[in-house]
C-alpha atoms as a PDB file:
ATOM      1  CA  MET A   1     -25.880   7.189 -21.496  1.00  0.00           C
ATOM      2  CA  MET A   2     -23.237   6.649 -20.028  1.00  0.00           C
ATOM      3  CA  ARG A   3     -19.500   7.244 -20.921  1.00  0.00           C
ATOM      4  CA  PHE A   4     -16.009   7.355 -19.898  1.00  0.00           C
ATOM      5  CA  ARG A   5     -13.236   9.829 -19.894  1.00  0.00           C
ATOM      6  CA  THR A   6      -9.994  10.138 -18.577  1.00  0.00           C
ATOM      7  CA  TYR A   7      -8.467  13.391 -15.727  1.00  0.00           C
ATOM      8  CA  ASP A   8      -8.134  15.428 -18.666  1.00  0.00           C
ATOM      9  CA  GLU A   9     -11.331  15.175 -20.428  1.00  0.00           C
ATOM     10  CA  VAL A  10     -13.051  16.056 -16.865  1.00  0.00           C
ATOM     11  CA  ASP A  11     -13.488  19.024 -14.866  1.00  0.00           C
ATOM     12  CA  PRO A  12     -11.328  18.711 -11.897  1.00  0.00           C
ATOM     13  CA  ARG A  13     -13.540  20.109  -9.526  1.00  0.00           C
ATOM     14  CA  ALA A  14     -15.746  17.430  -9.749  1.00  0.00           C
ATOM     15  CA  VAL A  15     -13.221  14.856  -9.439  1.00  0.00           C
ATOM     16  CA  ALA A  16     -11.922  16.569  -5.798  1.00  0.00           C
ATOM     17  CA  ASN A  17     -15.674  16.371  -5.073  1.00  0.00           C
ATOM     18  CA  LEU A  18     -16.266  12.868  -5.180  1.00  0.00           C
ATOM     19  CA  ALA A  19     -13.236  12.201  -3.975  1.00  0.00           C
ATOM     20  CA  LEU A  20     -14.088  13.874  -0.784  1.00  0.00           C
ATOM     21  CA  ALA A  21     -17.542  12.569  -0.936  1.00  0.00           C
ATOM     22  CA  GLY A  22     -16.007   8.670  -1.142  1.00  0.00           C
ATOM     23  CA  PHE A  23     -12.719   8.977   1.348  1.00  0.00           C
ATOM     24  CA  GLY A  24     -12.157  12.071   2.448  1.00  0.00           C
ATOM     25  CA  TRP A  25      -9.175  12.743  -0.152  1.00  0.00           C
ATOM     26  CA  ASN A  26      -8.126  15.744  -1.073  1.00  0.00           C
ATOM     27  CA  LEU A  27      -7.644  15.203  -4.630  1.00  0.00           C
ATOM     28  CA  ASP A  28      -7.448  18.797  -5.699  1.00  0.00           C
ATOM     29  CA  ALA A  29      -5.844  19.681  -9.373  1.00  0.00           C
ATOM     30  CA  TYR A  30      -2.396  20.709  -7.676  1.00  0.00           C
ATOM     31  CA  SER A  31      -2.375  17.352  -5.824  1.00  0.00           C
ATOM     32  CA  VAL A  32      -2.518  15.353  -8.844  1.00  0.00           C
ATOM     33  CA  ARG A  33      -0.344  17.550 -10.623  1.00  0.00           C
ATOM     34  CA  LYS A  34       2.165  17.033  -8.004  1.00  0.00           C
ATOM     35  CA  LEU A  35       1.101  12.782  -8.625  1.00  0.00           C
ATOM     36  CA  ARG A  36       1.485  13.237 -12.540  1.00  0.00           C
ATOM     37  CA  ARG A  37       4.935  15.179 -12.207  1.00  0.00           C
ATOM     38  CA  GLN A  38       6.632  12.746  -9.441  1.00  0.00           C
ATOM     39  CA  ASP A  39       5.393   9.348  -9.034  1.00  0.00           C
ATOM     40  CA  LYS A  40       6.324   7.538 -12.077  1.00  0.00           C
ATOM     41  CA  ASN A  41       4.028   4.906 -11.180  1.00  0.00           C
ATOM     42  CA  CYS A  42       0.849   6.744 -12.635  1.00  0.00           C
ATOM     43  CA  PRO A  43      -0.179   6.218 -16.185  1.00  0.00           C
ATOM     44  CA  ASP A  44      -0.690   9.060 -18.740  1.00  0.00           C
ATOM     45  CA  TRP A  45      -4.801   9.092 -18.675  1.00  0.00           C
ATOM     46  CA  PHE A  46      -4.347   8.825 -14.660  1.00  0.00           C
ATOM     47  CA  ALA A  47      -7.939   7.485 -13.439  1.00  0.00           C
ATOM     48  CA  MET A  48     -11.176   6.787 -15.381  1.00  0.00           C
ATOM     49  CA  TYR A  49     -14.231   8.434 -14.867  1.00  0.00           C
ATOM     50  CA  ALA A  50     -18.037   7.271 -15.467  1.00  0.00           C
ATOM     51  CA  VAL A  51     -19.595  10.298 -17.110  1.00  0.00           C
ATOM     52  CA  ASP A  52     -23.848  11.390 -17.204  1.00  0.00           C
ATOM     53  CA  ASP A  53     -24.613  14.457 -18.406  1.00  0.00           C
ATOM     54  CA  GLU A  54     -21.704  15.703 -18.372  1.00  0.00           C
ATOM     55  CA  ASP A  55     -21.801  14.490 -14.514  1.00  0.00           C
ATOM     56  CA  VAL A  56     -18.934  13.160 -13.250  1.00  0.00           C
ATOM     57  CA  ILE A  57     -20.384   9.836 -11.353  1.00  0.00           C
ATOM     58  CA  GLY A  58     -17.451   7.428 -10.948  1.00  0.00           C
ATOM     59  CA  GLN A  59     -14.172   6.635 -11.088  1.00  0.00           C
ATOM     60  CA  VAL A  60     -11.201   4.487 -11.340  1.00  0.00           C
ATOM     61  CA  GLY A  61      -7.526   5.215 -10.794  1.00  0.00           C
ATOM     62  CA  ALA A  62      -4.574   3.065 -11.641  1.00  0.00           C
ATOM     63  CA  ALA A  63      -0.864   2.662 -11.044  1.00  0.00           C
ATOM     64  CA  TYR A  64       2.116   0.717 -11.984  1.00  0.00           C
ATOM     65  CA  PRO A  65       4.205  -0.342  -9.818  1.00  0.00           C
ATOM     66  CA  THR A  66       7.279  -3.168 -11.207  1.00  0.00           C
ATOM     67  CA  ILE A  67       6.597  -6.303  -8.944  1.00  0.00           C
ATOM     68  CA  GLN A  68       8.498  -9.684  -8.989  1.00  0.00           C
ATOM     69  CA  THR A  69       7.539 -12.823  -9.675  1.00  0.00           C
ATOM     70  CA  ALA A  70       8.549 -15.931 -10.408  1.00  0.00           C
ATOM     71  CA  GLU A  71       8.809 -14.622 -13.536  1.00  0.00           C
ATOM     72  CA  GLY A  72      10.747 -12.181 -13.193  1.00  0.00           C
ATOM     73  CA  PRO A  73       9.781  -8.450 -12.782  1.00  0.00           C
ATOM     74  CA  MET A  74       6.297  -7.678 -14.331  1.00  0.00           C
ATOM     75  CA  LYS A  75       4.914  -4.337 -14.560  1.00  0.00           C
ATOM     76  CA  LEU A  76       1.569  -4.450 -11.737  1.00  0.00           C
ATOM     77  CA  GLY A  77      -1.691  -2.200 -12.525  1.00  0.00           C
ATOM     78  CA  TYR A  78      -2.474  -0.785  -9.210  1.00  0.00           C
ATOM     79  CA  ILE A  79      -6.526  -0.387  -8.808  1.00  0.00           C
ATOM     80  CA  TRP A  80      -7.347   2.658  -6.649  1.00  0.00           C
ATOM     81  CA  GLY A  81     -10.247   4.876  -5.647  1.00  0.00           C
ATOM     82  CA  VAL A  82     -13.204   3.040  -7.457  1.00  0.00           C
ATOM     83  CA  THR A  83     -16.342   5.311  -5.552  1.00  0.00           C
ATOM     84  CA  THR A  84     -19.151   6.712  -7.248  1.00  0.00           C
ATOM     85  CA  GLN A  85     -21.711   9.060  -6.849  1.00  0.00           C
ATOM     86  CA  PRO A  86     -24.261   7.634  -3.597  1.00  0.00           C
ATOM     87  CA  ASP A  87     -27.319   8.244  -5.527  1.00  0.00           C
ATOM     88  CA  LYS A  88     -25.756   5.658  -8.747  1.00  0.00           C
ATOM     89  CA  THR A  89     -24.524   2.931  -6.144  1.00  0.00           C
ATOM     90  CA  GLN A  90     -25.791  -0.705  -7.538  1.00  0.00           C
ATOM     91  CA  LYS A  91     -26.709   0.140 -10.568  1.00  0.00           C
ATOM     92  CA  GLY A  92     -23.374  -0.909 -12.372  1.00  0.00           C
ATOM     93  CA  VAL A  93     -21.332   2.024 -12.597  1.00  0.00           C
ATOM     94  CA  ALA A  94     -18.241   1.055 -11.054  1.00  0.00           C
ATOM     95  CA  ARG A  95     -18.399  -2.640 -12.715  1.00  0.00           C
ATOM     96  CA  LYS A  96     -18.575  -1.066 -15.978  1.00  0.00           C
ATOM     97  CA  LEU A  97     -15.218   1.233 -14.872  1.00  0.00           C
ATOM     98  CA  MET A  98     -13.486  -1.393 -13.231  1.00  0.00           C
ATOM     99  CA  GLU A  99     -14.240  -3.659 -17.077  1.00  0.00           C
ATOM    100  CA  ARG A 100     -12.699  -0.284 -18.942  1.00  0.00           C
ATOM    101  CA  VAL A 101      -9.956  -0.032 -16.588  1.00  0.00           C
ATOM    102  CA  HIS A 102      -9.203  -3.254 -16.635  1.00  0.00           C
ATOM    103  CA  GLU A 103      -8.836  -3.409 -21.213  1.00  0.00           C
ATOM    104  CA  GLN A 104      -7.287  -0.006 -20.133  1.00  0.00           C
ATOM    105  CA  MET A 105      -4.387  -1.522 -18.406  1.00  0.00           C
ATOM    106  CA  ARG A 106      -4.208  -4.451 -20.660  1.00  0.00           C
ATOM    107  CA  GLU A 107      -3.383  -2.067 -23.562  1.00  0.00           C
ATOM    108  CA  ASP A 108      -0.927  -0.929 -21.652  1.00  0.00           C
ATOM    109  CA  GLY A 109       1.260  -3.835 -20.792  1.00  0.00           C
ATOM    110  CA  ALA A 110       0.473  -4.777 -17.651  1.00  0.00           C
ATOM    111  CA  GLY A 111       0.573  -8.869 -16.641  1.00  0.00           C
ATOM    112  CA  ILE A 112      -1.036  -8.403 -13.361  1.00  0.00           C
ATOM    113  CA  PHE A 113      -3.856  -6.639 -11.420  1.00  0.00           C
ATOM    114  CA  ALA A 114      -4.584  -5.819  -8.051  1.00  0.00           C
ATOM    115  CA  LEU A 115      -6.174  -4.028  -5.238  1.00  0.00           C
ATOM    116  CA  SER A 116      -6.332  -3.222  -1.757  1.00  0.00           C
ATOM    117  CA  THR A 117      -9.722  -3.522   0.292  1.00  0.00           C
ATOM    118  CA  MET A 118     -11.787  -4.004   3.144  1.00  0.00           C
ATOM    119  CA  ARG A 119     -13.481  -7.398   3.211  1.00  0.00           C
ATOM    120  CA  SER A 120     -16.588  -5.479   5.373  1.00  0.00           C
ATOM    121  CA  LEU A 121     -17.071  -3.476   1.962  1.00  0.00           C
ATOM    122  CA  VAL A 122     -19.598  -4.106  -0.459  1.00  0.00           C
ATOM    123  CA  ALA A 123     -17.079  -3.802  -3.089  1.00  0.00           C
ATOM    124  CA  HIS A 124     -15.094  -6.522  -1.759  1.00  0.00           C
ATOM    125  CA  GLY A 125     -18.325  -8.702  -3.401  1.00  0.00           C
ATOM    126  CA  LEU A 126     -17.936  -6.695  -6.714  1.00  0.00           C
ATOM    127  CA  TYR A 127     -14.196  -7.740  -6.969  1.00  0.00           C
ATOM    128  CA  VAL A 128     -14.522 -11.381  -6.387  1.00  0.00           C
ATOM    129  CA  SER A 129     -16.954 -10.999  -9.324  1.00  0.00           C
ATOM    130  CA  LEU A 130     -14.401  -9.562 -11.352  1.00  0.00           C
ATOM    131  CA  GLY A 131     -12.613 -12.576 -10.431  1.00  0.00           C
ATOM    132  CA  TYR A 132     -10.018 -10.987  -8.046  1.00  0.00           C
ATOM    133  CA  HIS A 133      -8.653 -13.435  -5.529  1.00  0.00           C
ATOM    134  CA  HIS A 134      -7.431 -12.524  -1.829  1.00  0.00           C
ATOM    135  CA  VAL A 135      -3.431 -13.385  -1.996  1.00  0.00           C
ATOM    136  CA  GLN A 136      -2.959 -11.526   1.289  1.00  0.00           C
ATOM    137  CA  PRO A 137      -4.430 -10.065   4.906  1.00  0.00           C
ATOM    138  CA  TYR A 138      -3.449  -7.201   6.113  1.00  0.00           C
ATOM    139  CA  GLY A 139      -4.624  -5.492   9.336  1.00  0.00           C
ATOM    140  CA  TRP A 140      -2.334  -4.014  12.325  1.00  0.00           C
ATOM    141  CA  ASN A 141      -2.728  -4.529  16.265  1.00  0.00           C
ATOM    142  CA  GLN A 142      -2.433  -1.730  19.120  1.00  0.00           C
ATOM    143  CA  ARG A 143      -1.413  -2.355  22.596  1.00  0.00           C
ATOM    144  CA  PRO A 144      -0.158   0.394  25.602  1.00  0.00           C
ATOM    145  CA  ILE A 145       3.190   1.133  25.257  1.00  0.00           C
ATOM    146  CA  ARG A 146       5.801  -0.191  27.544  1.00  0.00           C
ATOM    147  CA  LYS A 147       9.127   1.195  29.025  1.00  0.00           C
ATOM    148  CA  TYR A 148      12.221  -1.070  28.534  1.00  0.00           C
ATOM    149  CA  LYS A 149      16.054  -1.181  29.899  1.00  0.00           C
ATOM    150  CA  ARG A 150      18.012   0.118  27.164  1.00  0.00           C
ATOM    151  CA  GLU A 151      19.672  -1.894  24.573  1.00  0.00           C
ATOM    152  CA  GLY A 152      22.622  -0.159  23.103  1.00  0.00           C
ATOM    153  CA  ILE A 153      20.187  -0.008  20.515  1.00  0.00           C
ATOM    154  CA  ARG A 154      20.272   3.684  19.183  1.00  0.00           C
ATOM    155  CA  VAL A 155      17.122   5.438  17.115  1.00  0.00           C
ATOM    156  CA  ASN A 156      18.440   8.031  14.958  1.00  0.00           C
ATOM    157  CA  ILE A 157      15.548  10.781  14.065  1.00  0.00           C
ATOM    158  CA  ARG A 158      15.178  11.407  10.105  1.00  0.00           C
ATOM    159  CA  LYS A 159      13.233  13.510   7.766  1.00  0.00           C
ATOM    160  CA  ARG A 160      13.500  12.312   4.530  1.00  0.00           C
ATOM    161  CA  SER A 161      15.219   9.102   2.623  1.00  0.00           C
ATOM    162  CA  THR A 162      18.554   8.015   3.119  1.00  0.00           C
ATOM    163  CA  THR A 163      20.640   6.230   0.991  1.00  0.00           C
ATOM    164  CA  GLN A 164      21.612   3.872   3.987  1.00  0.00           C
ATOM    165  CA  MET A 165      18.296   3.986   4.761  1.00  0.00           C
ATOM    166  CA  PHE A 166      17.944   2.700   1.181  1.00  0.00           C
ATOM    167  CA  GLU A 167      20.359  -0.121   0.983  1.00  0.00           C
ATOM    168  CA  LEU A 168      18.796  -1.360   4.280  1.00  0.00           C
ATOM    169  CA  TYR A 169      16.047  -2.041   2.281  1.00  0.00           C
ATOM    170  CA  ARG A 170      17.642  -4.017  -0.660  1.00  0.00           C
ATOM    171  CA  THR A 171      19.425  -5.778   1.869  1.00  0.00           C
ATOM    172  CA  PHE A 172      16.019  -7.020   3.493  1.00  0.00           C
ATOM    173  CA  SER A 173      14.510  -7.244   0.418  1.00  0.00           C
ATOM    174  CA  LYS A 174      16.818  -9.731  -1.345  1.00  0.00           C
ATOM    175  CA  GLY A 175      15.236 -12.945  -3.186  1.00  0.00           C
ATOM    176  CA  ALA A 176      11.729 -11.652  -1.823  1.00  0.00           C
ATOM    177  CA  PHE A 177       8.753 -11.723  -4.321  1.00  0.00           C
ATOM    178  CA  GLY A 178       6.665  -9.233  -4.291  1.00  0.00           C
ATOM    179  CA  PHE A 179       7.206  -5.243  -3.303  1.00  0.00           C
ATOM    180  CA  VAL A 180      10.994  -5.450  -3.607  1.00  0.00           C
ATOM    181  CA  HIS A 181      11.534  -2.446  -6.424  1.00  0.00           C
ATOM    182  CA  ARG A 182      11.755   1.120  -4.841  1.00  0.00           C
ATOM    183  CA  HIS A 183      14.004   3.832  -5.608  1.00  0.00           C
ATOM    184  CA  PRO A 184      15.162   6.070  -3.240  1.00  0.00           C
ATOM    185  CA  LYS A 185      13.233   8.857  -3.471  1.00  0.00           C
ATOM    186  CA  PHE A 186      10.031   5.962  -2.692  1.00  0.00           C
ATOM    187  CA  VAL A 187       8.909   7.346   0.792  1.00  0.00           C
ATOM    188  CA  GLU A 188       8.484  10.632  -0.347  1.00  0.00           C
ATOM    189  CA  THR A 189       6.317   9.469  -3.290  1.00  0.00           C
ATOM    190  CA  ARG A 190       4.147   7.565  -1.634  1.00  0.00           C
ATOM    191  CA  CYS A 191       3.703  10.682   0.942  1.00  0.00           C
ATOM    192  CA  LEU A 192       2.054  12.571  -2.098  1.00  0.00           C
ATOM    193  CA  TRP A 193      -0.586   9.919  -1.811  1.00  0.00           C
ATOM    194  CA  PHE A 194      -0.638   9.086   1.833  1.00  0.00           C
ATOM    195  CA  PRO A 195       0.319  11.940   4.460  1.00  0.00           C
ATOM    196  CA  TYR A 196       0.924   9.428   7.604  1.00  0.00           C
ATOM    197  CA  ILE A 197       4.050   9.197   7.595  1.00  0.00           C
ATOM    198  CA  SER A 198       6.280  11.955  10.081  1.00  0.00           C
ATOM    199  CA  GLU A 199       9.661  10.005  10.977  1.00  0.00           C
ATOM    200  CA  ILE A 200      11.583   8.136   9.800  1.00  0.00           C
ATOM    201  CA  ASN A 201      13.922   6.021  12.716  1.00  0.00           C
ATOM    202  CA  VAL A 202      16.762   4.410  11.667  1.00  0.00           C
ATOM    203  CA  PHE A 203      18.149   2.172  14.411  1.00  0.00           C
ATOM    204  CA  THR A 204      22.081   1.685  14.867  1.00  0.00           C
ATOM    205  CA  ARG A 205      24.108  -0.607  17.728  1.00  0.00           C
ATOM    206  CA  ASP A 206      27.686   0.738  18.103  1.00  0.00           C
ATOM    207  CA  ASP A 207      27.548   2.839  14.945  1.00  0.00           C
ATOM    208  CA  GLU A 208      26.000  -0.458  13.159  1.00  0.00           C
ATOM    209  CA  PRO A 209      23.236  -0.261  10.731  1.00  0.00           C
ATOM    210  CA  LEU A 210      20.197  -2.610  12.182  1.00  0.00           C
ATOM    211  CA  GLY A 211      17.375  -1.637   9.898  1.00  0.00           C
ATOM    212  CA  TYR A 212      14.617   1.255  10.059  1.00  0.00           C
ATOM    213  CA  ALA A 213      10.822   1.942  10.924  1.00  0.00           C
ATOM    214  CA  LEU A 214       8.777   4.896   9.212  1.00  0.00           C
ATOM    215  CA  VAL A 215       6.641   6.675  11.445  1.00  0.00           C
ATOM    216  CA  LEU A 216       3.479   8.433  12.012  1.00  0.00           C
ATOM    217  CA  SER A 217       4.082  10.169  15.863  1.00  0.00           C
ATOM    218  CA  GLY A 218       1.332  11.755  17.785  1.00  0.00           C
ATOM    219  CA  LYS A 219       0.010  12.968  21.061  1.00  0.00           C
ATOM    220  CA  ARG A 220      -2.107  10.023  22.032  1.00  0.00           C
ATOM    221  CA  GLY A 221       0.285   6.776  20.262  1.00  0.00           C
ATOM    222  CA  VAL A 222       2.571   5.796  17.194  1.00  0.00           C
ATOM    223  CA  VAL A 223       2.033   4.357  14.580  1.00  0.00           C
ATOM    224  CA  ILE A 224       4.965   1.938  13.000  1.00  0.00           C
ATOM    225  CA  ARG A 225       3.669   2.067   9.297  1.00  0.00           C
ATOM    226  CA  GLU A 226       6.692  -0.803   8.051  1.00  0.00           C
ATOM    227  CA  ILE A 227       9.922  -1.863   9.472  1.00  0.00           C
ATOM    228  CA  PHE A 228      12.883  -3.429   7.687  1.00  0.00           C
ATOM    229  CA  CYS A 229      16.163  -4.887   9.553  1.00  0.00           C
ATOM    230  CA  PRO A 230      18.207  -7.405   7.077  1.00  0.00           C
ATOM    231  CA  ILE A 231      18.260  -9.624  10.244  1.00  0.00           C
ATOM    232  CA  SER A 232      14.907 -10.120  11.732  1.00  0.00           C
ATOM    233  CA  SER A 233      15.681 -11.203  14.874  1.00  0.00           C
ATOM    234  CA  ASN A 234      16.835  -7.196  15.278  1.00  0.00           C
ATOM    235  CA  ILE A 235      13.391  -6.092  14.935  1.00  0.00           C
ATOM    236  CA  PRO A 236      12.181  -7.045  18.527  1.00  0.00           C
ATOM    237  CA  GLY A 237      14.645  -4.554  20.101  1.00  0.00           C
ATOM    238  CA  CYS A 238      14.129  -1.720  17.351  1.00  0.00           C
ATOM    239  CA  VAL A 239      10.958  -1.960  18.478  1.00  0.00           C
ATOM    240  CA  ARG A 240      11.665  -1.414  22.273  1.00  0.00           C
ATOM    241  CA  ALA A 241      13.847   0.816  20.830  1.00  0.00           C
ATOM    242  CA  ILE A 242      10.500   2.784  19.429  1.00  0.00           C
ATOM    243  CA  GLU A 243       7.881   2.621  22.596  1.00  0.00           C
ATOM    244  CA  ASN A 244      11.333   3.748  25.029  1.00  0.00           C
ATOM    245  CA  ARG A 245      11.747   6.595  21.997  1.00  0.00           C
ATOM    246  CA  TYR A 246       7.766   6.870  22.090  1.00  0.00           C
ATOM    247  CA  GLN A 247       5.847   7.656  25.415  1.00  0.00           C
ATOM    248  CA  ARG A 248       2.849   8.131  24.123  1.00  0.00           C
ATOM    249  CA  ARG A 249      -0.041   6.148  25.256  1.00  0.00           C
ATOM    250  CA  ASN A 250      -0.386   3.588  22.698  1.00  0.00           C
ATOM    251  CA  ILE A 251       2.094   1.634  19.937  1.00  0.00           C
ATOM    252  CA  THR A 252       0.370   0.539  17.029  1.00  0.00           C
ATOM    253  CA  CYS A 253       1.607  -1.783  14.209  1.00  0.00           C
ATOM    254  CA  LEU A 254       0.597  -1.923  10.793  1.00  0.00           C
ATOM    255  CA  SER A 255       0.425  -5.617   9.078  1.00  0.00           C
ATOM    256  CA  HIS A 256       3.790  -7.055   7.376  1.00  0.00           C
ATOM    257  CA  SER A 257       3.526  -9.891   4.362  1.00  0.00           C
ATOM    258  CA  ARG A 258       6.447 -11.998   5.302  1.00  0.00           C
ATOM    259  CA  ASP A 259       6.652 -14.820   7.747  1.00  0.00           C
ATOM    260  CA  ASP A 260       9.847 -13.894   9.513  1.00  0.00           C
ATOM    261  CA  VAL A 261       9.048 -10.284  10.287  1.00  0.00           C
ATOM    262  CA  ILE A 262       5.789 -11.492  11.258  1.00  0.00           C
ATOM    263  CA  LYS A 263       7.387 -13.602  13.887  1.00  0.00           C
ATOM    264  CA  ALA A 264       9.553 -11.044  15.580  1.00  0.00           C
ATOM    265  CA  LEU A 265       6.670  -8.494  15.805  1.00  0.00           C
ATOM    266  CA  GLY A 266       4.641 -11.172  17.678  1.00  0.00           C
ATOM    267  CA  SER A 267       7.551 -11.725  20.816  1.00  0.00           C
ATOM    268  CA  VAL A 268       6.863  -8.320  21.900  1.00  0.00           C
ATOM    269  CA  ASP A 269       2.827  -9.085  20.847  1.00  0.00           C
ATOM    270  CA  LEU A 270       2.205  -6.503  17.366  1.00  0.00           C
ATOM    271  CA  ALA A 271       2.118  -9.726  15.282  1.00  0.00           C
ATOM    272  CA  PRO A 272      -1.370  -8.440  12.772  1.00  0.00           C
ATOM    273  CA  GLU A 273      -4.862  -9.296  14.669  1.00  0.00           C
ATOM    274  CA  ARG A 274      -6.156 -12.365  12.421  1.00  0.00           C
ATOM    275  CA  PRO A 275      -8.857 -12.418  10.696  1.00  0.00           C
ATOM    276  CA  SER A 276      -7.705  -9.494   9.309  1.00  0.00           C
ATOM    277  CA  PHE A 277     -10.246  -7.102   7.875  1.00  0.00           C
ATOM    278  CA  GLY A 278      -8.029  -5.365   4.674  1.00  0.00           C
ATOM    279  CA  VAL A 279      -6.939  -7.953   2.018  1.00  0.00           C
ATOM    280  CA  LEU A 280      -4.594  -7.652  -0.746  1.00  0.00           C
ATOM    281  CA  MET A 281      -6.962  -9.192  -3.730  1.00  0.00           C
ATOM    282  CA  MET A 282      -5.013  -9.715  -7.480  1.00  0.00           C
ATOM    283  CA  ARG A 283      -6.196 -11.555 -10.638  1.00  0.00           C
ATOM    284  CA  MET A 284      -4.892 -12.192 -14.208  1.00  0.00           C
ATOM    285  CA  PRO A 285      -5.496  -9.907 -17.624  1.00  0.00           C
ATOM    286  CA  LYS A 286      -7.395 -12.315 -19.519  1.00  0.00           C
ATOM    287  CA  GLY A 287      -9.515 -14.898 -18.377  1.00  0.00           C
ATOM    288  CA  ARG A 288     -10.222 -17.050 -14.934  1.00  0.00           C
ATOM    289  CA  SER A 289      -7.797 -17.872 -12.506  1.00  0.00           C
ATOM    290  CA  SER A 290      -6.902 -19.967  -9.676  1.00  0.00           C
ATOM    291  CA  GLU A 291      -5.836 -18.279  -5.972  1.00  0.00           C
ATOM    292  CA  LYS A 292      -3.026 -20.921  -5.616  1.00  0.00           C
ATOM    293  CA  SER A 293      -1.688 -20.238  -9.371  1.00  0.00           C
ATOM    294  CA  ILE A 294      -1.609 -16.646  -8.543  1.00  0.00           C
ATOM    295  CA  LYS A 295      -0.423 -17.662  -5.321  1.00  0.00           C
ATOM    296  CA  LYS A 296       3.066 -19.196  -6.755  1.00  0.00           C
ATOM    297  CA  LEU A 297       3.770 -16.321  -9.155  1.00  0.00           C
ATOM    298  CA  VAL A 298       3.782 -13.566  -6.451  1.00  0.00           C
ATOM    299  CA  GLY A 299       6.140 -16.304  -4.336  1.00  0.00           C
ATOM    300  CA  LYS A 300       3.404 -16.060  -1.816  1.00  0.00           C
ATOM    301  CA  ASP A 301       3.877 -20.269  -1.649  1.00  0.00           C
ATOM    302  CA  ARG A 302       7.237 -19.945  -0.689  1.00  0.00           C
ATOM    303  CA  GLY A 303       6.682 -17.000   2.618  1.00  0.00           C
ATOM    304  CA  ARG A 304       8.863 -14.605   0.803  1.00  0.00           C
ATOM    305  CA  PHE A 305       5.731 -12.288  -0.675  1.00  0.00           C
ATOM    306  CA  GLN A 306       6.562  -8.878   0.153  1.00  0.00           C
ATOM    307  CA  PHE A 307       3.946  -6.383   0.763  1.00  0.00           C
ATOM    308  CA  THR A 308       3.734  -3.823   3.283  1.00  0.00           C
ATOM    309  CA  ALA A 309       1.009  -0.822   4.195  1.00  0.00           C
ATOM    310  CA  THR A 310       3.203   1.525   2.487  1.00  0.00           C
ATOM    311  CA  ASP A 311       3.426  -0.147  -0.988  1.00  0.00           C
ATOM    312  CA  GLU A 312      -0.502  -0.062  -1.590  1.00  0.00           C
ATOM    313  CA  TYR A 313      -2.073   2.515  -3.302  1.00  0.00           C
END
């Protein structure tokens, strides 16, 4: 008989093996301890597991970031790590786990639920059947790196977050909805989950700060995970400065939800490809709700909904 258990009630080695099989993700006991200690969005129970005869056969995790909505700041229940053992797929394990986690998130006071997925995955159909709606497509665009005439924008490399960077983010996010509530060490915390940032680029012109980008640099290319400039018209120049700084083979830019940023990235041929495979989905905690009402709640209908790849769990 299948039962539900929290992380502390199961064998951490079984969790690590399940995560490796499902995502190639190292979720060993040491990593989980660091996440629970440093990410204040982790609930006490961390994740929920389906157990059959003491075998861990499925997982659904959750986190509780705060987002800005038309009703003010709201606790979001963000689903992550949905996976089942290969021989248990298509047997209702994931659905029952999701329903149990929904129940727990309601008890914990989450005002809205969310998850990130790919439209091509079988699980996408499950999420639709559970009442989730498409809110924000996300993807990427890649092209060969170019060489430009210098424009006087300096790229300052940082390995850790700075007060200046945090203030740039706050200025950019003023008046926006969605994922705008970050603490000063947000980037370091997110790197515990996904170590896909090697450097922080802070851009200045004549010693005046213009913005920043979170970058992953490799031998063959450079990936911009997110880029923020309080004046969005500065984004193209900052992208060109990145290309001059990292003379690799390709540049890839992960998508941003803000219309002004997408327009700016389009001017340097890095707007996200459409249609996008990735999608952020949301639903309300109780009963069915329309896609239109959810988008209105999170400011998507005003073009001011903010979400980047760094925000997802």
